[in-house]
C-alpha cells in the first residue's frame, strides 16, 4: 500500500466521522441514514420536508470528494425544458449560492461538491443545509411553474 493510499484512507475515515457528527447535529440519525452505494463508498440518505438528500464520498482522480445531491424534479414530455434550463441557469447565478442545479437524464437535481482536502465541519454543515433547504423550497415551485413531478416521485 502506498503512502498516497494511506492518506486517502485516513482522510476518508475522518470525513465519515465528521459527516456523521454533522448529520446528527442537523437532526438526521447517521446510522439510520447510511446507505449502500453502487461504488462502495460511504453514503447517507435522509428526508427533509419534501426533499430526499443523498450525501456521499466519491473517489475522484485528484482526491476524495464530498457530494450532496437532492433530486428536485423529474421532467416529462410536457415540460418546456429549454425554458426550464434557462430559468435554472438564472437561479444558479443568483439564488442558490454554494450549490447548483444540474440535469441528469430527465431529473433536475441540486448539487454541491468539493474535495475533502482541508474540509471542516462548518463546510459539511453548510453544504448539507444549503442543498436540503434549496431542494425543499424549489421542488414545489419548479413543478408548479414548469410541470413534471417532484424529485424522487
N, C-alpha and C. Protein backbone atom coordinates (compact mmCIF):
# COMPACT_ATOMS: atom_id res chain seq x y z
N UNK A 1 0.85 -1.17 0.00
CA UNK A 1 0.00 0.00 0.00
C UNK A 1 0.90 1.24 0.00
N UNK A 2 0.61 2.19 -0.86
CA UNK A 2 1.44 3.38 -0.96
C UNK A 2 1.05 4.41 0.08
N UNK A 3 1.93 5.35 0.26
CA UNK A 3 1.67 6.45 1.19
C UNK A 3 0.42 7.22 0.78
N UNK A 4 0.24 7.44 -0.55
CA UNK A 4 -0.93 8.16 -1.05
C UNK A 4 -2.22 7.45 -0.66
N UNK A 5 -2.24 6.11 -0.77
CA UNK A 5 -3.44 5.36 -0.41
C UNK A 5 -3.73 5.48 1.08
N UNK A 6 -2.69 5.48 1.91
CA UNK A 6 -2.88 5.66 3.34
C UNK A 6 -3.48 7.03 3.65
N UNK A 7 -3.02 8.04 2.96
CA UNK A 7 -3.55 9.39 3.16
C UNK A 7 -5.03 9.44 2.79
N UNK A 8 -5.39 8.81 1.69
CA UNK A 8 -6.80 8.77 1.28
C UNK A 8 -7.66 8.04 2.30
N UNK A 9 -7.17 6.91 2.77
CA UNK A 9 -7.94 6.12 3.75
C UNK A 9 -8.12 6.88 5.05
N UNK A 10 -7.07 7.52 5.52
CA UNK A 10 -7.16 8.31 6.75
C UNK A 10 -8.12 9.48 6.56
N UNK A 11 -8.04 10.12 5.41
CA UNK A 11 -8.95 11.23 5.11
C UNK A 11 -10.39 10.75 5.09
N UNK A 12 -10.62 9.59 4.45
CA UNK A 12 -11.99 9.06 4.37
C UNK A 12 -12.54 8.74 5.75
N UNK A 13 -11.73 8.10 6.59
CA UNK A 13 -12.20 7.76 7.94
C UNK A 13 -12.57 9.03 8.73
N UNK A 14 -11.72 10.04 8.66
CA UNK A 14 -12.02 11.27 9.41
C UNK A 14 -13.22 11.98 8.82
N UNK A 15 -13.40 11.93 7.50
CA UNK A 15 -14.56 12.57 6.87
C UNK A 15 -15.85 11.85 7.24
N UNK A 16 -15.82 10.52 7.27
CA UNK A 16 -17.01 9.76 7.67
C UNK A 16 -17.43 10.16 9.08
N UNK A 17 -16.48 10.21 10.00
CA UNK A 17 -16.80 10.60 11.38
C UNK A 17 -17.36 12.01 11.43
N UNK A 18 -16.76 12.93 10.69
CA UNK A 18 -17.21 14.32 10.69
C UNK A 18 -18.61 14.44 10.08
N UNK A 19 -18.85 13.78 8.96
CA UNK A 19 -20.17 13.83 8.31
C UNK A 19 -21.23 13.28 9.25
N UNK A 20 -20.95 12.16 9.91
CA UNK A 20 -21.95 11.56 10.80
C UNK A 20 -22.22 12.46 12.01
N UNK A 21 -21.21 13.12 12.53
CA UNK A 21 -21.43 14.07 13.63
C UNK A 21 -22.31 15.22 13.17
N UNK A 22 -22.01 15.77 12.00
CA UNK A 22 -22.79 16.90 11.47
C UNK A 22 -24.23 16.48 11.19
N UNK A 23 -24.43 15.31 10.57
CA UNK A 23 -25.80 14.84 10.31
C UNK A 23 -26.58 14.73 11.61
N UNK A 24 -25.95 14.19 12.65
CA UNK A 24 -26.60 14.09 13.95
C UNK A 24 -26.96 15.45 14.50
N UNK A 25 -26.05 16.41 14.39
CA UNK A 25 -26.32 17.77 14.86
C UNK A 25 -27.45 18.43 14.09
N UNK A 26 -27.62 18.05 12.81
CA UNK A 26 -28.68 18.62 11.98
C UNK A 26 -30.00 17.86 12.13
N UNK A 27 -30.03 16.86 13.01
CA UNK A 27 -31.27 16.15 13.30
C UNK A 27 -31.52 14.90 12.46
N UNK A 28 -30.49 14.40 11.79
CA UNK A 28 -30.63 13.20 10.98
C UNK A 28 -29.80 12.08 11.61
N UNK A 29 -30.44 10.96 11.92
CA UNK A 29 -29.76 9.84 12.55
C UNK A 29 -28.76 9.24 11.57
N UNK A 30 -27.46 9.36 11.85
CA UNK A 30 -26.46 8.86 10.90
C UNK A 30 -26.56 7.35 10.64
N UNK A 31 -26.80 6.57 11.67
CA UNK A 31 -26.89 5.13 11.49
C UNK A 31 -28.09 4.75 10.63
N UNK A 32 -29.23 5.39 10.87
CA UNK A 32 -30.43 5.11 10.09
C UNK A 32 -30.33 5.66 8.67
N UNK A 33 -29.46 6.63 8.47
CA UNK A 33 -29.30 7.28 7.17
C UNK A 33 -28.31 6.58 6.25
N UNK A 34 -27.47 5.71 6.80
CA UNK A 34 -26.44 5.05 5.99
C UNK A 34 -27.06 4.22 4.88
N UNK A 35 -26.47 4.29 3.70
CA UNK A 35 -26.94 3.52 2.54
C UNK A 35 -25.76 2.88 1.84
N UNK A 36 -26.04 1.82 1.13
CA UNK A 36 -25.05 1.18 0.27
C UNK A 36 -24.98 1.98 -1.02
N UNK A 37 -23.79 2.30 -1.47
CA UNK A 37 -23.63 2.97 -2.75
C UNK A 37 -23.16 1.97 -3.78
N UNK A 38 -23.42 2.26 -5.03
CA UNK A 38 -23.05 1.35 -6.11
C UNK A 38 -21.54 1.13 -6.18
N UNK A 39 -20.78 2.13 -5.76
CA UNK A 39 -19.32 2.04 -5.85
C UNK A 39 -18.66 1.61 -4.55
N UNK A 40 -19.45 1.45 -3.49
CA UNK A 40 -18.91 1.01 -2.22
C UNK A 40 -18.42 2.10 -1.30
N UNK A 41 -18.43 3.35 -1.77
CA UNK A 41 -18.03 4.45 -0.91
C UNK A 41 -19.12 4.73 0.12
N UNK A 42 -18.75 5.37 1.24
CA UNK A 42 -19.75 5.70 2.27
C UNK A 42 -20.84 6.63 1.72
N UNK A 43 -22.07 6.40 2.18
CA UNK A 43 -23.18 7.23 1.74
C UNK A 43 -24.28 7.27 2.78
N UNK A 44 -25.08 8.35 2.73
CA UNK A 44 -26.19 8.56 3.64
C UNK A 44 -27.34 9.15 2.84
N UNK A 45 -28.57 8.85 3.26
CA UNK A 45 -29.76 9.42 2.60
C UNK A 45 -30.78 9.71 3.69
N UNK A 46 -31.42 10.88 3.56
CA UNK A 46 -32.44 11.27 4.54
C UNK A 46 -33.47 12.18 3.88
N UNK A 47 -34.60 12.30 4.54
CA UNK A 47 -35.68 13.16 4.09
C UNK A 47 -35.61 14.49 4.83
N UNK A 48 -35.92 15.56 4.12
CA UNK A 48 -36.05 16.88 4.74
C UNK A 48 -37.21 17.57 4.06
N UNK A 49 -38.31 17.71 4.76
CA UNK A 49 -39.51 18.24 4.14
C UNK A 49 -39.91 17.33 3.00
N UNK A 50 -40.07 17.90 1.80
CA UNK A 50 -40.44 17.10 0.64
C UNK A 50 -39.22 16.63 -0.16
N UNK A 51 -38.02 16.91 0.34
CA UNK A 51 -36.80 16.57 -0.39
C UNK A 51 -36.14 15.31 0.18
N UNK A 52 -35.50 14.55 -0.70
CA UNK A 52 -34.66 13.43 -0.31
C UNK A 52 -33.23 13.83 -0.65
N UNK A 53 -32.37 13.79 0.36
CA UNK A 53 -30.99 14.26 0.20
C UNK A 53 -30.03 13.08 0.33
N UNK A 54 -29.07 13.01 -0.58
CA UNK A 54 -28.02 11.99 -0.53
C UNK A 54 -26.68 12.68 -0.29
N UNK A 55 -25.93 12.12 0.64
CA UNK A 55 -24.59 12.60 0.96
C UNK A 55 -23.65 11.44 0.71
N UNK A 56 -22.57 11.68 -0.03
CA UNK A 56 -21.65 10.57 -0.30
C UNK A 56 -20.23 11.06 -0.45
N UNK A 57 -19.31 10.15 -0.22
CA UNK A 57 -17.91 10.38 -0.51
C UNK A 57 -17.62 9.67 -1.82
N UNK A 58 -16.97 10.38 -2.74
CA UNK A 58 -16.72 9.85 -4.07
C UNK A 58 -15.23 9.91 -4.36
N UNK A 59 -14.67 8.80 -4.79
CA UNK A 59 -13.26 8.80 -5.18
C UNK A 59 -13.11 9.44 -6.55
N UNK A 60 -12.45 10.57 -6.59
CA UNK A 60 -12.12 11.25 -7.85
C UNK A 60 -10.63 11.03 -8.08
N UNK A 61 -10.17 11.28 -9.28
CA UNK A 61 -8.76 11.03 -9.58
C UNK A 61 -7.83 11.90 -8.74
N UNK A 62 -8.23 13.13 -8.45
CA UNK A 62 -7.36 14.00 -7.66
C UNK A 62 -7.41 13.67 -6.18
N UNK A 63 -8.61 13.43 -5.65
CA UNK A 63 -8.78 13.11 -4.23
C UNK A 63 -10.24 12.78 -4.00
N UNK A 64 -10.57 12.35 -2.82
CA UNK A 64 -11.95 12.05 -2.47
C UNK A 64 -12.73 13.35 -2.38
N UNK A 65 -13.99 13.32 -2.82
CA UNK A 65 -14.87 14.48 -2.77
C UNK A 65 -16.11 14.17 -1.93
N UNK A 66 -16.62 15.19 -1.27
CA UNK A 66 -17.92 15.13 -0.61
C UNK A 66 -18.93 15.66 -1.61
N UNK A 67 -20.00 14.89 -1.83
CA UNK A 67 -21.05 15.29 -2.78
C UNK A 67 -22.39 15.21 -2.06
N UNK A 68 -23.16 16.29 -2.15
CA UNK A 68 -24.51 16.35 -1.58
C UNK A 68 -25.46 16.61 -2.75
N UNK A 69 -26.46 15.73 -2.91
CA UNK A 69 -27.37 15.80 -4.05
C UNK A 69 -28.80 15.60 -3.58
N UNK A 70 -29.71 16.37 -4.17
CA UNK A 70 -31.15 16.17 -3.91
C UNK A 70 -31.90 16.29 -5.23
N UNK A 71 -32.61 15.24 -5.64
CA UNK A 71 -33.47 15.37 -6.81
C UNK A 71 -34.57 16.39 -6.51
N UNK A 72 -34.78 17.30 -7.45
CA UNK A 72 -35.78 18.36 -7.24
C UNK A 72 -37.04 18.06 -8.05
N UNK A 73 -36.84 17.63 -9.29
CA UNK A 73 -38.00 17.32 -10.13
C UNK A 73 -37.59 16.39 -11.25
N UNK A 74 -38.58 15.72 -11.81
CA UNK A 74 -38.40 14.88 -12.98
C UNK A 74 -39.22 15.49 -14.10
N UNK A 75 -38.57 15.71 -15.25
CA UNK A 75 -39.27 16.30 -16.38
C UNK A 75 -39.96 15.20 -17.19
N UNK A 76 -40.95 15.61 -17.97
CA UNK A 76 -41.62 14.71 -18.90
C UNK A 76 -41.83 15.48 -20.20
N UNK A 77 -42.54 14.87 -21.15
CA UNK A 77 -42.71 15.46 -22.48
C UNK A 77 -43.45 16.81 -22.44
N UNK A 78 -44.20 17.06 -21.39
CA UNK A 78 -44.97 18.32 -21.31
C UNK A 78 -44.14 19.50 -20.81
N UNK A 79 -42.96 19.23 -20.27
CA UNK A 79 -42.12 20.30 -19.71
C UNK A 79 -41.32 20.96 -20.84
N UNK A 80 -41.38 22.28 -20.90
CA UNK A 80 -40.57 23.04 -21.85
C UNK A 80 -39.16 23.13 -21.23
N UNK A 81 -38.31 22.15 -21.59
CA UNK A 81 -37.02 22.05 -20.92
C UNK A 81 -36.10 23.22 -21.24
N UNK A 82 -36.19 23.79 -22.42
CA UNK A 82 -35.35 24.95 -22.72
C UNK A 82 -35.69 26.12 -21.80
N UNK A 83 -36.96 26.36 -21.61
CA UNK A 83 -37.39 27.42 -20.69
C UNK A 83 -36.97 27.09 -19.25
N UNK A 84 -37.15 25.83 -18.87
CA UNK A 84 -36.75 25.39 -17.53
C UNK A 84 -35.25 25.57 -17.33
N UNK A 85 -34.43 25.09 -18.29
CA UNK A 85 -32.97 25.18 -18.15
C UNK A 85 -32.51 26.63 -18.06
N UNK A 86 -33.10 27.49 -18.85
CA UNK A 86 -32.74 28.92 -18.78
C UNK A 86 -33.04 29.47 -17.39
N UNK A 87 -34.20 29.08 -16.86
CA UNK A 87 -34.59 29.53 -15.52
C UNK A 87 -33.61 28.98 -14.47
N UNK A 88 -33.21 27.72 -14.60
CA UNK A 88 -32.28 27.12 -13.65
C UNK A 88 -30.91 27.79 -13.70
N UNK A 89 -30.45 28.13 -14.90
CA UNK A 89 -29.17 28.84 -15.01
C UNK A 89 -29.24 30.21 -14.35
N UNK A 90 -30.38 30.87 -14.47
CA UNK A 90 -30.56 32.15 -13.80
C UNK A 90 -30.55 31.97 -12.29
N UNK A 91 -31.23 30.93 -11.81
CA UNK A 91 -31.21 30.64 -10.37
C UNK A 91 -29.80 30.31 -9.89
N UNK A 92 -29.04 29.56 -10.69
CA UNK A 92 -27.66 29.23 -10.32
C UNK A 92 -26.84 30.51 -10.11
N UNK A 93 -27.09 31.50 -10.93
CA UNK A 93 -26.31 32.74 -10.87
C UNK A 93 -26.73 33.66 -9.73
N UNK A 94 -27.95 33.47 -9.21
CA UNK A 94 -28.44 34.48 -8.27
C UNK A 94 -29.09 33.96 -6.99
N UNK A 95 -29.60 32.74 -6.99
CA UNK A 95 -30.45 32.31 -5.88
C UNK A 95 -29.95 31.12 -5.07
N UNK A 96 -28.97 30.37 -5.58
CA UNK A 96 -28.54 29.16 -4.87
C UNK A 96 -27.03 29.15 -4.66
N UNK A 97 -26.49 30.14 -3.95
CA UNK A 97 -25.05 30.16 -3.73
C UNK A 97 -24.60 28.90 -2.98
N UNK A 98 -23.45 28.38 -3.36
CA UNK A 98 -22.92 27.20 -2.69
C UNK A 98 -23.46 25.89 -3.22
N UNK A 99 -24.35 25.94 -4.19
CA UNK A 99 -24.93 24.75 -4.81
C UNK A 99 -25.27 25.12 -6.25
N UNK A 100 -25.74 24.16 -7.02
CA UNK A 100 -26.14 24.43 -8.39
C UNK A 100 -27.18 23.41 -8.83
N UNK A 101 -28.07 23.87 -9.71
CA UNK A 101 -28.99 22.95 -10.35
C UNK A 101 -28.23 22.21 -11.44
N UNK A 102 -28.55 20.93 -11.62
CA UNK A 102 -27.93 20.11 -12.65
C UNK A 102 -29.00 19.20 -13.24
N UNK A 103 -28.74 18.73 -14.45
CA UNK A 103 -29.65 17.79 -15.11
C UNK A 103 -28.94 16.47 -15.30
N UNK A 104 -29.60 15.39 -14.90
CA UNK A 104 -29.11 14.04 -15.12
C UNK A 104 -30.26 13.24 -15.70
N UNK A 105 -30.14 12.90 -16.98
CA UNK A 105 -31.23 12.30 -17.74
C UNK A 105 -32.43 13.23 -17.66
N UNK A 106 -33.57 12.78 -17.14
CA UNK A 106 -34.73 13.67 -17.04
C UNK A 106 -34.95 14.15 -15.61
N UNK A 107 -33.91 14.08 -14.80
CA UNK A 107 -34.02 14.51 -13.40
C UNK A 107 -33.25 15.81 -13.19
N UNK A 108 -33.89 16.77 -12.55
CA UNK A 108 -33.24 18.01 -12.15
C UNK A 108 -32.82 17.83 -10.70
N UNK A 109 -31.55 18.13 -10.42
CA UNK A 109 -31.01 17.94 -9.08
C UNK A 109 -30.39 19.24 -8.58
N UNK A 110 -30.28 19.33 -7.27
CA UNK A 110 -29.44 20.34 -6.65
C UNK A 110 -28.19 19.62 -6.18
N UNK A 111 -27.02 20.20 -6.45
CA UNK A 111 -25.76 19.53 -6.19
C UNK A 111 -24.77 20.50 -5.54
N UNK A 112 -24.05 19.99 -4.56
CA UNK A 112 -22.88 20.69 -4.01
C UNK A 112 -21.78 19.65 -3.88
N UNK A 113 -20.58 19.99 -4.30
CA UNK A 113 -19.46 19.05 -4.23
C UNK A 113 -18.16 19.81 -4.03
N UNK A 114 -17.28 19.21 -3.24
CA UNK A 114 -15.93 19.76 -3.07
C UNK A 114 -15.00 18.66 -2.61
N UNK A 115 -13.72 18.91 -2.80
CA UNK A 115 -12.69 17.99 -2.34
C UNK A 115 -12.74 17.91 -0.82
N UNK A 116 -12.34 16.77 -0.29
CA UNK A 116 -12.30 16.64 1.17
C UNK A 116 -10.99 17.14 1.76
N UNK A 117 -10.08 17.59 0.92
CA UNK A 117 -8.83 18.16 1.43
C UNK A 117 -9.16 19.42 2.22
N UNK A 118 -8.74 19.46 3.48
CA UNK A 118 -8.98 20.59 4.39
C UNK A 118 -10.46 20.87 4.64
N UNK A 119 -11.31 19.88 4.42
CA UNK A 119 -12.75 20.03 4.69
C UNK A 119 -12.96 20.15 6.20
N UNK A 120 -13.84 21.08 6.59
CA UNK A 120 -14.13 21.19 8.03
C UNK A 120 -15.62 21.02 8.29
N UNK A 121 -15.96 20.90 9.56
CA UNK A 121 -17.35 20.64 9.98
C UNK A 121 -18.31 21.72 9.47
N UNK A 122 -17.88 22.96 9.53
CA UNK A 122 -18.74 24.05 9.07
C UNK A 122 -19.08 23.94 7.60
N UNK A 123 -18.11 23.50 6.80
CA UNK A 123 -18.37 23.34 5.37
C UNK A 123 -19.32 22.17 5.11
N UNK A 124 -19.15 21.09 5.84
CA UNK A 124 -20.08 19.95 5.69
C UNK A 124 -21.49 20.40 6.05
N UNK A 125 -21.65 21.06 7.18
CA UNK A 125 -22.97 21.53 7.62
C UNK A 125 -23.56 22.50 6.61
N UNK A 126 -22.73 23.39 6.08
CA UNK A 126 -23.21 24.37 5.11
C UNK A 126 -23.68 23.69 3.83
N UNK A 127 -22.91 22.74 3.31
CA UNK A 127 -23.30 22.05 2.08
C UNK A 127 -24.61 21.29 2.26
N UNK A 128 -24.71 20.53 3.35
CA UNK A 128 -25.92 19.74 3.59
C UNK A 128 -27.12 20.66 3.79
N UNK A 129 -26.94 21.70 4.58
CA UNK A 129 -28.05 22.62 4.86
C UNK A 129 -28.52 23.32 3.60
N UNK A 130 -27.59 23.83 2.81
CA UNK A 130 -27.98 24.53 1.57
C UNK A 130 -28.76 23.61 0.64
N UNK A 131 -28.23 22.43 0.37
CA UNK A 131 -28.89 21.53 -0.57
C UNK A 131 -30.26 21.10 -0.05
N UNK A 132 -30.36 20.74 1.22
CA UNK A 132 -31.66 20.27 1.73
C UNK A 132 -32.69 21.40 1.75
N UNK A 133 -32.27 22.62 2.10
CA UNK A 133 -33.22 23.75 2.15
C UNK A 133 -33.63 24.18 0.74
N UNK A 134 -32.65 24.33 -0.15
CA UNK A 134 -32.98 24.72 -1.53
C UNK A 134 -33.90 23.69 -2.18
N UNK A 135 -33.57 22.40 -2.02
CA UNK A 135 -34.38 21.35 -2.66
C UNK A 135 -35.80 21.36 -2.12
N UNK A 136 -35.95 21.49 -0.82
CA UNK A 136 -37.28 21.51 -0.21
C UNK A 136 -38.07 22.74 -0.68
N UNK A 137 -37.38 23.83 -0.91
CA UNK A 137 -38.03 25.07 -1.36
C UNK A 137 -38.38 25.02 -2.85
N UNK A 138 -37.44 24.61 -3.68
CA UNK A 138 -37.62 24.72 -5.13
C UNK A 138 -38.38 23.57 -5.77
N UNK A 139 -38.48 22.41 -5.12
CA UNK A 139 -39.17 21.29 -5.78
C UNK A 139 -40.61 21.65 -6.12
N UNK A 140 -41.35 22.17 -5.17
CA UNK A 140 -42.75 22.53 -5.44
C UNK A 140 -42.86 23.72 -6.39
N UNK A 141 -42.00 24.72 -6.21
CA UNK A 141 -42.05 25.91 -7.08
C UNK A 141 -41.82 25.54 -8.54
N UNK A 142 -40.81 24.72 -8.81
CA UNK A 142 -40.49 24.38 -10.20
C UNK A 142 -41.56 23.50 -10.83
N UNK A 143 -42.09 22.55 -10.08
CA UNK A 143 -43.15 21.69 -10.62
C UNK A 143 -44.40 22.52 -10.90
N UNK A 144 -44.72 23.45 -10.01
CA UNK A 144 -45.88 24.31 -10.23
C UNK A 144 -45.70 25.16 -11.47
N UNK A 145 -44.52 25.70 -11.67
CA UNK A 145 -44.28 26.59 -12.81
C UNK A 145 -44.06 25.85 -14.13
N UNK A 146 -43.37 24.70 -14.11
CA UNK A 146 -42.97 24.05 -15.35
C UNK A 146 -43.62 22.69 -15.60
N UNK A 147 -44.26 22.11 -14.59
CA UNK A 147 -44.83 20.77 -14.76
C UNK A 147 -43.85 19.72 -14.30
N UNK A 148 -44.07 18.49 -14.71
CA UNK A 148 -43.22 17.39 -14.28
C UNK A 148 -43.67 16.88 -12.91
N UNK A 149 -42.78 16.14 -12.26
CA UNK A 149 -43.07 15.58 -10.94
C UNK A 149 -41.99 16.02 -9.97
N UNK A 150 -42.36 16.13 -8.72
CA UNK A 150 -41.40 16.46 -7.68
C UNK A 150 -40.34 15.36 -7.61
N UNK A 151 -39.11 15.72 -7.28
CA UNK A 151 -37.98 14.79 -7.24
C UNK A 151 -38.25 13.54 -6.44
N UNK A 152 -37.79 12.42 -6.95
CA UNK A 152 -37.94 11.15 -6.25
C UNK A 152 -39.32 10.53 -6.35
N UNK A 153 -40.27 11.20 -6.99
CA UNK A 153 -41.63 10.68 -7.10
C UNK A 153 -41.87 10.02 -8.44
